[in-house]
Amino acid sequence: MACGREMSATGWRDLVVNYIRDAAQPVDKFGHQPRLYALTLELGKNIDYDDDVVFAAAWMHDLGIFIGHRPEDIQALAEWNHIQYTIERTQELLPAWGFPGAKLEAVAEVIKTHQPNERPQTVEGMLVHDADILEQLGAIAVVRAFAKVGRDTRYRDFSSVLEVLRKALRDLPDMLCLSQSMQLAKPRAASLQEFIAALEFEAGDLLF
């Protein structure tokens, strides 16, 4: 196990980043990965964990939702298991880039449990899980959500985005695993609450 602050500079990491930079479509999808990993480093201070596993999972976890990897057909997309696809592709790609094979199952476990409703059992899983929740709170959550209007079936219009943000504010803080995550969530939740209140004040029932 390695402390999160002690990162190994191995060649496979550059290959992962380059692959995701090319694969992340639409292009704004790319920013989530470096922010997510940066959050794991902040959350992981003074915690012993395997940073190789966290790095690989944080960068690869959304592969199955990128255009070119997910189905184009609407019905097929509704039934798409992007987690399973991502794990399978990750287990093919990482070894080819020099990632330690003995750590592949640990990466798969982190990817499997990174979504908010999951309860990860490993420290690495908790770090990525909580970092992903933090990305759904605060100002960055607003940017990410409104960028999806018109290209994601969950985000038909501005009003549907507002409902998603309200739900995130209501539900997500209680899904965090780590005490340090809860502390980081407080200012993010406060800024998201302030934005929602301002939007409701300015638009009323006319947001659409």
C-alpha atoms as a PDB file:
ATOM      1  CA  MET A   1       0.000   0.000   0.000  1.00  0.00           C
ATOM      2  CA  ALA A   2       1.224   3.496  -0.759  1.00  0.00           C
ATOM      3  CA  CYS A   3       0.229   6.808   0.731  1.00  0.00           C
ATOM      4  CA  GLY A   4      -1.806   8.830  -1.745  1.00  0.00           C
ATOM      5  CA  ARG A   5       0.790  11.573  -1.772  1.00  0.00           C
ATOM      6  CA  GLU A   6       3.481   9.220  -3.056  1.00  0.00           C
ATOM      7  CA  MET A   7       2.647   8.831  -6.743  1.00  0.00           C
ATOM      8  CA  SER A   8       4.760   6.619  -8.956  1.00  0.00           C
ATOM      9  CA  ALA A   9       5.624   8.160 -12.313  1.00  0.00           C
ATOM     10  CA  THR A  10       5.107   5.118 -14.519  1.00  0.00           C
ATOM     11  CA  GLY A  11       4.668   5.122 -18.272  1.00  0.00           C
ATOM     12  CA  TRP A  12       1.280   3.412 -18.228  1.00  0.00           C
ATOM     13  CA  ARG A  13      -0.259   6.487 -16.614  1.00  0.00           C
ATOM     14  CA  ASP A  14       0.641   8.668 -19.585  1.00  0.00           C
ATOM     15  CA  LEU A  15      -0.880   6.076 -21.911  1.00  0.00           C
ATOM     16  CA  VAL A  16      -4.103   6.035 -19.887  1.00  0.00           C
ATOM     17  CA  VAL A  17      -4.382   9.828 -19.953  1.00  0.00           C
ATOM     18  CA  ASN A  18      -3.669  10.014 -23.677  1.00  0.00           C
ATOM     19  CA  TYR A  19      -6.242   7.308 -24.422  1.00  0.00           C
ATOM     20  CA  ILE A  20      -8.971   8.996 -22.397  1.00  0.00           C
ATOM     21  CA  ARG A  21      -8.128  12.402 -23.886  1.00  0.00           C
ATOM     22  CA  ASP A  22      -8.833  10.944 -27.333  1.00  0.00           C
ATOM     23  CA  ALA A  23     -11.800   8.802 -26.263  1.00  0.00           C
ATOM     24  CA  ALA A  24     -13.704  11.390 -24.187  1.00  0.00           C
ATOM     25  CA  GLN A  25     -16.540  12.541 -26.440  1.00  0.00           C
ATOM     26  CA  PRO A  26     -18.124  15.058 -26.255  1.00  0.00           C
ATOM     27  CA  VAL A  27     -14.864  16.824 -25.473  1.00  0.00           C
ATOM     28  CA  ASP A  28     -16.086  18.356 -22.211  1.00  0.00           C
ATOM     29  CA  LYS A  29     -16.224  14.820 -20.790  1.00  0.00           C
ATOM     30  CA  PHE A  30     -12.442  14.879 -20.485  1.00  0.00           C
ATOM     31  CA  GLY A  31     -12.239  17.385 -17.632  1.00  0.00           C
ATOM     32  CA  HIS A  32     -14.069  15.098 -15.209  1.00  0.00           C
ATOM     33  CA  GLN A  33     -11.216  12.586 -15.051  1.00  0.00           C
ATOM     34  CA  PRO A  34      -8.350  14.865 -13.948  1.00  0.00           C
ATOM     35  CA  ARG A  35     -10.641  16.671 -11.494  1.00  0.00           C
ATOM     36  CA  LEU A  36     -11.809  13.360 -10.065  1.00  0.00           C
ATOM     37  CA  TYR A  37      -8.280  12.094  -9.567  1.00  0.00           C
ATOM     38  CA  ALA A  38      -7.222  15.401  -7.992  1.00  0.00           C
ATOM     39  CA  LEU A  39     -10.094  15.032  -5.520  1.00  0.00           C
ATOM     40  CA  THR A  40      -8.959  11.516  -4.589  1.00  0.00           C
ATOM     41  CA  LEU A  41      -5.533  12.925  -3.751  1.00  0.00           C
ATOM     42  CA  GLU A  42      -7.119  15.544  -1.520  1.00  0.00           C
ATOM     43  CA  LEU A  43      -9.365  13.020   0.184  1.00  0.00           C
ATOM     44  CA  GLY A  44      -6.545  10.509   0.517  1.00  0.00           C
ATOM     45  CA  LYS A  45      -4.146  12.659   2.483  1.00  0.00           C
ATOM     46  CA  ASN A  46      -2.815  10.686   5.457  1.00  0.00           C
ATOM     47  CA  ILE A  47      -4.629   7.536   4.272  1.00  0.00           C
ATOM     48  CA  ASP A  48      -2.828   4.398   3.101  1.00  0.00           C
ATOM     49  CA  TYR A  49      -4.134   3.158  -0.228  1.00  0.00           C
ATOM     50  CA  ASP A  50      -2.963   1.907  -3.609  1.00  0.00           C
ATOM     51  CA  ASP A  51      -2.654   4.962  -5.810  1.00  0.00           C
ATOM     52  CA  ASP A  52      -2.137   2.863  -8.945  1.00  0.00           C
ATOM     53  CA  VAL A  53      -5.613   1.385  -8.465  1.00  0.00           C
ATOM     54  CA  VAL A  54      -7.178   4.770  -7.766  1.00  0.00           C
ATOM     55  CA  PHE A  55      -5.496   6.445 -10.734  1.00  0.00           C
ATOM     56  CA  ALA A  56      -6.510   3.705 -13.172  1.00  0.00           C
ATOM     57  CA  ALA A  57     -10.107   3.580 -11.936  1.00  0.00           C
ATOM     58  CA  ALA A  58     -10.538   7.355 -11.766  1.00  0.00           C
ATOM     59  CA  TRP A  59      -9.351   7.829 -15.317  1.00  0.00           C
ATOM     60  CA  MET A  60     -11.082   4.796 -16.872  1.00  0.00           C
ATOM     61  CA  HIS A  61     -14.390   4.654 -14.959  1.00  0.00           C
ATOM     62  CA  ASP A  62     -16.549   6.514 -17.521  1.00  0.00           C
ATOM     63  CA  LEU A  63     -15.233   4.900 -20.708  1.00  0.00           C
ATOM     64  CA  GLY A  64     -18.564   3.199 -21.396  1.00  0.00           C
ATOM     65  CA  ILE A  65     -20.512   6.465 -21.570  1.00  0.00           C
ATOM     66  CA  PHE A  66     -18.336   8.122 -24.215  1.00  0.00           C
ATOM     67  CA  ILE A  67     -19.650   8.515 -27.745  1.00  0.00           C
ATOM     68  CA  GLY A  68     -17.974   5.825 -29.811  1.00  0.00           C
ATOM     69  CA  HIS A  69     -18.112   3.377 -26.914  1.00  0.00           C
ATOM     70  CA  ARG A  70     -21.786   3.491 -25.987  1.00  0.00           C
ATOM     71  CA  PRO A  71     -24.581   2.399 -28.385  1.00  0.00           C
ATOM     72  CA  GLU A  72     -26.083   5.009 -30.685  1.00  0.00           C
ATOM     73  CA  ASP A  73     -29.526   3.378 -30.802  1.00  0.00           C
ATOM     74  CA  ILE A  74     -31.809   4.918 -28.154  1.00  0.00           C
ATOM     75  CA  GLN A  75     -33.341   1.611 -27.063  1.00  0.00           C
ATOM     76  CA  ALA A  76     -29.977  -0.112 -26.872  1.00  0.00           C
ATOM     77  CA  LEU A  77     -28.608   2.838 -24.930  1.00  0.00           C
ATOM     78  CA  ALA A  78     -31.439   2.577 -22.402  1.00  0.00           C
ATOM     79  CA  GLU A  79     -30.382  -1.024 -21.706  1.00  0.00           C
ATOM     80  CA  TRP A  80     -26.657  -0.342 -21.864  1.00  0.00           C
ATOM     81  CA  ASN A  81     -24.508  -1.551 -18.964  1.00  0.00           C
ATOM     82  CA  HIS A  82     -21.677   0.932 -19.181  1.00  0.00           C
ATOM     83  CA  ILE A  83     -20.074  -0.353 -15.989  1.00  0.00           C
ATOM     84  CA  GLN A  84     -19.693  -3.871 -17.334  1.00  0.00           C
ATOM     85  CA  TYR A  85     -18.355  -2.569 -20.642  1.00  0.00           C
ATOM     86  CA  THR A  86     -15.865  -0.293 -18.891  1.00  0.00           C
ATOM     87  CA  ILE A  87     -14.554  -3.077 -16.671  1.00  0.00           C
ATOM     88  CA  GLU A  88     -14.134  -5.451 -19.595  1.00  0.00           C
ATOM     89  CA  ARG A  89     -12.328  -2.886 -21.743  1.00  0.00           C
ATOM     90  CA  THR A  90     -10.193  -1.746 -18.812  1.00  0.00           C
ATOM     91  CA  GLN A  91      -9.052  -5.303 -18.185  1.00  0.00           C
ATOM     92  CA  GLU A  92      -8.049  -5.551 -21.835  1.00  0.00           C
ATOM     93  CA  LEU A  93      -6.365  -2.160 -22.162  1.00  0.00           C
ATOM     94  CA  LEU A  94      -4.473  -1.681 -18.905  1.00  0.00           C
ATOM     95  CA  PRO A  95      -2.229  -4.784 -19.158  1.00  0.00           C
ATOM     96  CA  ALA A  96      -1.257  -3.776 -22.696  1.00  0.00           C
ATOM     97  CA  TRP A  97      -0.051  -0.444 -21.314  1.00  0.00           C
ATOM     98  CA  GLY A  98       2.047  -2.037 -18.574  1.00  0.00           C
ATOM     99  CA  PHE A  99      -0.372  -1.827 -15.651  1.00  0.00           C
ATOM    100  CA  PRO A 100       0.287  -4.523 -13.006  1.00  0.00           C
ATOM    101  CA  GLY A 101      -1.990  -7.460 -13.731  1.00  0.00           C
ATOM    102  CA  ALA A 102      -2.324  -8.335 -10.057  1.00  0.00           C
ATOM    103  CA  LYS A 103      -4.192  -5.056  -9.498  1.00  0.00           C
ATOM    104  CA  LEU A 104      -6.794  -5.428 -12.246  1.00  0.00           C
ATOM    105  CA  GLU A 105      -9.481  -6.903 -10.003  1.00  0.00           C
ATOM    106  CA  ALA A 106      -9.028  -4.085  -7.517  1.00  0.00           C
ATOM    107  CA  VAL A 107      -9.562  -1.559 -10.327  1.00  0.00           C
ATOM    108  CA  ALA A 108     -12.669  -3.430 -11.441  1.00  0.00           C
ATOM    109  CA  GLU A 109     -14.058  -3.319  -7.907  1.00  0.00           C
ATOM    110  CA  VAL A 110     -13.559   0.449  -7.712  1.00  0.00           C
ATOM    111  CA  ILE A 111     -15.276   1.019 -11.057  1.00  0.00           C
ATOM    112  CA  LYS A 112     -18.122  -1.294 -10.025  1.00  0.00           C
ATOM    113  CA  THR A 113     -18.793   0.669  -6.833  1.00  0.00           C
ATOM    114  CA  HIS A 114     -18.085   4.274  -7.894  1.00  0.00           C
ATOM    115  CA  GLN A 115     -21.705   5.368  -8.376  1.00  0.00           C
ATOM    116  CA  PRO A 116     -23.475   7.181  -5.506  1.00  0.00           C
ATOM    117  CA  ASN A 117     -25.935   4.412  -4.614  1.00  0.00           C
ATOM    118  CA  GLU A 118     -23.123   1.877  -4.153  1.00  0.00           C
ATOM    119  CA  ARG A 119     -21.332   1.212  -0.862  1.00  0.00           C
ATOM    120  CA  PRO A 120     -17.683   0.451  -1.641  1.00  0.00           C
ATOM    121  CA  GLN A 121     -15.814  -1.815   0.769  1.00  0.00           C
ATOM    122  CA  THR A 122     -12.245  -0.844  -0.164  1.00  0.00           C
ATOM    123  CA  VAL A 123     -10.461   2.403   0.668  1.00  0.00           C
ATOM    124  CA  GLU A 124      -9.706   2.906  -3.022  1.00  0.00           C
ATOM    125  CA  GLY A 125     -13.375   2.449  -3.837  1.00  0.00           C
ATOM    126  CA  MET A 126     -14.438   4.945  -1.185  1.00  0.00           C
ATOM    127  CA  LEU A 127     -12.035   7.565  -2.510  1.00  0.00           C
ATOM    128  CA  VAL A 128     -13.305   7.359  -6.095  1.00  0.00           C
ATOM    129  CA  HIS A 129     -16.934   6.972  -5.012  1.00  0.00           C
ATOM    130  CA  ASP A 130     -16.820  10.066  -2.809  1.00  0.00           C
ATOM    131  CA  ALA A 131     -14.838  12.110  -5.335  1.00  0.00           C
ATOM    132  CA  ASP A 132     -17.457  11.314  -7.955  1.00  0.00           C
ATOM    133  CA  ILE A 133     -20.205  12.539  -5.634  1.00  0.00           C
ATOM    134  CA  LEU A 134     -18.294  15.766  -4.952  1.00  0.00           C
ATOM    135  CA  GLU A 135     -18.174  16.340  -8.711  1.00  0.00           C
ATOM    136  CA  GLN A 136     -21.992  16.320  -8.629  1.00  0.00           C
ATOM    137  CA  LEU A 137     -22.167  19.101  -6.048  1.00  0.00           C
ATOM    138  CA  GLY A 138     -21.154  22.743  -6.246  1.00  0.00           C
ATOM    139  CA  ALA A 139     -20.409  24.962  -9.231  1.00  0.00           C
ATOM    140  CA  ILE A 140     -18.839  22.194 -11.297  1.00  0.00           C
ATOM    141  CA  ALA A 141     -22.059  20.199 -11.011  1.00  0.00           C
ATOM    142  CA  VAL A 142     -23.972  23.088 -12.595  1.00  0.00           C
ATOM    143  CA  VAL A 143     -21.537  23.324 -15.495  1.00  0.00           C
ATOM    144  CA  ARG A 144     -21.581  19.569 -16.129  1.00  0.00           C
ATOM    145  CA  ALA A 145     -25.357  19.267 -15.918  1.00  0.00           C
ATOM    146  CA  PHE A 146     -26.317  22.168 -18.161  1.00  0.00           C
ATOM    147  CA  ALA A 147     -23.774  21.067 -20.785  1.00  0.00           C
ATOM    148  CA  LYS A 148     -25.897  17.933 -21.271  1.00  0.00           C
ATOM    149  CA  VAL A 149     -29.126  19.681 -22.253  1.00  0.00           C
ATOM    150  CA  GLY A 150     -30.328  18.389 -25.592  1.00  0.00           C
ATOM    151  CA  ARG A 151     -27.811  15.572 -25.854  1.00  0.00           C
ATOM    152  CA  ASP A 152     -28.823  13.391 -22.894  1.00  0.00           C
ATOM    153  CA  THR A 153     -32.317  11.926 -22.488  1.00  0.00           C
ATOM    154  CA  ARG A 154     -32.269  12.845 -18.787  1.00  0.00           C
ATOM    155  CA  TYR A 155     -31.732  16.516 -19.619  1.00  0.00           C
ATOM    156  CA  ARG A 156     -34.475  17.562 -22.016  1.00  0.00           C
ATOM    157  CA  ASP A 157     -34.466  21.210 -20.959  1.00  0.00           C
ATOM    158  CA  PHE A 158     -33.303  23.595 -18.223  1.00  0.00           C
ATOM    159  CA  SER A 159     -36.152  22.612 -15.905  1.00  0.00           C
ATOM    160  CA  SER A 160     -35.151  18.942 -15.996  1.00  0.00           C
ATOM    161  CA  VAL A 161     -31.585  19.927 -15.102  1.00  0.00           C
ATOM    162  CA  LEU A 162     -32.884  21.910 -12.143  1.00  0.00           C
ATOM    163  CA  GLU A 163     -34.693  18.819 -10.862  1.00  0.00           C
ATOM    164  CA  VAL A 164     -31.484  16.792 -11.123  1.00  0.00           C
ATOM    165  CA  LEU A 165     -29.571  19.449  -9.183  1.00  0.00           C
ATOM    166  CA  ARG A 166     -32.238  19.577  -6.477  1.00  0.00           C
ATOM    167  CA  LYS A 167     -32.104  15.797  -6.119  1.00  0.00           C
ATOM    168  CA  ALA A 168     -28.302  15.845  -5.946  1.00  0.00           C
ATOM    169  CA  LEU A 169     -28.387  18.460  -3.194  1.00  0.00           C
ATOM    170  CA  ARG A 170     -31.014  16.504  -1.272  1.00  0.00           C
ATOM    171  CA  ASP A 171     -29.587  12.994  -1.573  1.00  0.00           C
ATOM    172  CA  LEU A 172     -25.883  12.927  -2.354  1.00  0.00           C
ATOM    173  CA  PRO A 173     -24.259  14.300   0.825  1.00  0.00           C
ATOM    174  CA  ASP A 174     -25.745  11.422   2.838  1.00  0.00           C
ATOM    175  CA  MET A 175     -24.199   8.889   0.440  1.00  0.00           C
ATOM    176  CA  LEU A 176     -20.609   9.894   1.186  1.00  0.00           C
ATOM    177  CA  CYS A 177     -18.408   7.363   2.958  1.00  0.00           C
ATOM    178  CA  LEU A 178     -15.476   9.336   4.387  1.00  0.00           C
ATOM    179  CA  SER A 179     -15.539  12.078   7.011  1.00  0.00           C
ATOM    180  CA  GLN A 180     -13.145  14.217   4.974  1.00  0.00           C
ATOM    181  CA  SER A 181     -15.521  13.930   2.020  1.00  0.00           C
ATOM    182  CA  MET A 182     -18.360  15.228   4.151  1.00  0.00           C
ATOM    183  CA  GLN A 183     -16.295  18.267   5.082  1.00  0.00           C
ATOM    184  CA  LEU A 184     -15.448  19.015   1.459  1.00  0.00           C
ATOM    185  CA  ALA A 185     -19.098  18.578   0.509  1.00  0.00           C
ATOM    186  CA  LYS A 186     -20.367  21.343   2.801  1.00  0.00           C
ATOM    187  CA  PRO A 187     -19.144  24.392   0.811  1.00  0.00           C
ATOM    188  CA  ARG A 188     -20.020  22.694  -2.475  1.00  0.00           C
ATOM    189  CA  ALA A 189     -23.550  21.967  -1.308  1.00  0.00           C
ATOM    190  CA  ALA A 190     -23.887  25.525  -0.039  1.00  0.00           C
ATOM    191  CA  SER A 191     -22.876  27.005  -3.389  1.00  0.00           C
ATOM    192  CA  LEU A 192     -25.231  24.657  -5.221  1.00  0.00           C
ATOM    193  CA  GLN A 193     -28.086  25.652  -2.899  1.00  0.00           C
ATOM    194  CA  GLU A 194     -27.318  29.316  -3.528  1.00  0.00           C
ATOM    195  CA  PHE A 195     -27.356  28.791  -7.292  1.00  0.00           C
ATOM    196  CA  ILE A 196     -30.663  26.911  -7.195  1.00  0.00           C
ATOM    197  CA  ALA A 197     -32.234  29.631  -5.062  1.00  0.00           C
ATOM    198  CA  ALA A 198     -31.021  32.349  -7.435  1.00  0.00           C
ATOM    199  CA  LEU A 199     -32.296  30.462 -10.464  1.00  0.00           C
ATOM    200  CA  GLU A 200     -35.696  29.932  -8.872  1.00  0.00           C
ATOM    201  CA  PHE A 201     -35.878  33.612  -7.900  1.00  0.00           C
ATOM    202  CA  GLU A 202     -34.954  34.878 -11.368  1.00  0.00           C
ATOM    203  CA  ALA A 203     -36.911  32.411 -13.501  1.00  0.00           C
ATOM    204  CA  GLY A 204     -39.838  31.380 -11.320  1.00  0.00           C
ATOM    205  CA  ASP A 205     -42.031  29.066 -13.373  1.00  0.00           C
ATOM    206  CA  LEU A 206     -40.573  30.351 -16.668  1.00  0.00           C
ATOM    207  CA  LEU A 207     -37.283  28.467 -16.798  1.00  0.00           C
ATOM    208  CA  PHE A 208     -38.256  25.828 -19.374  1.00  0.00           C
END
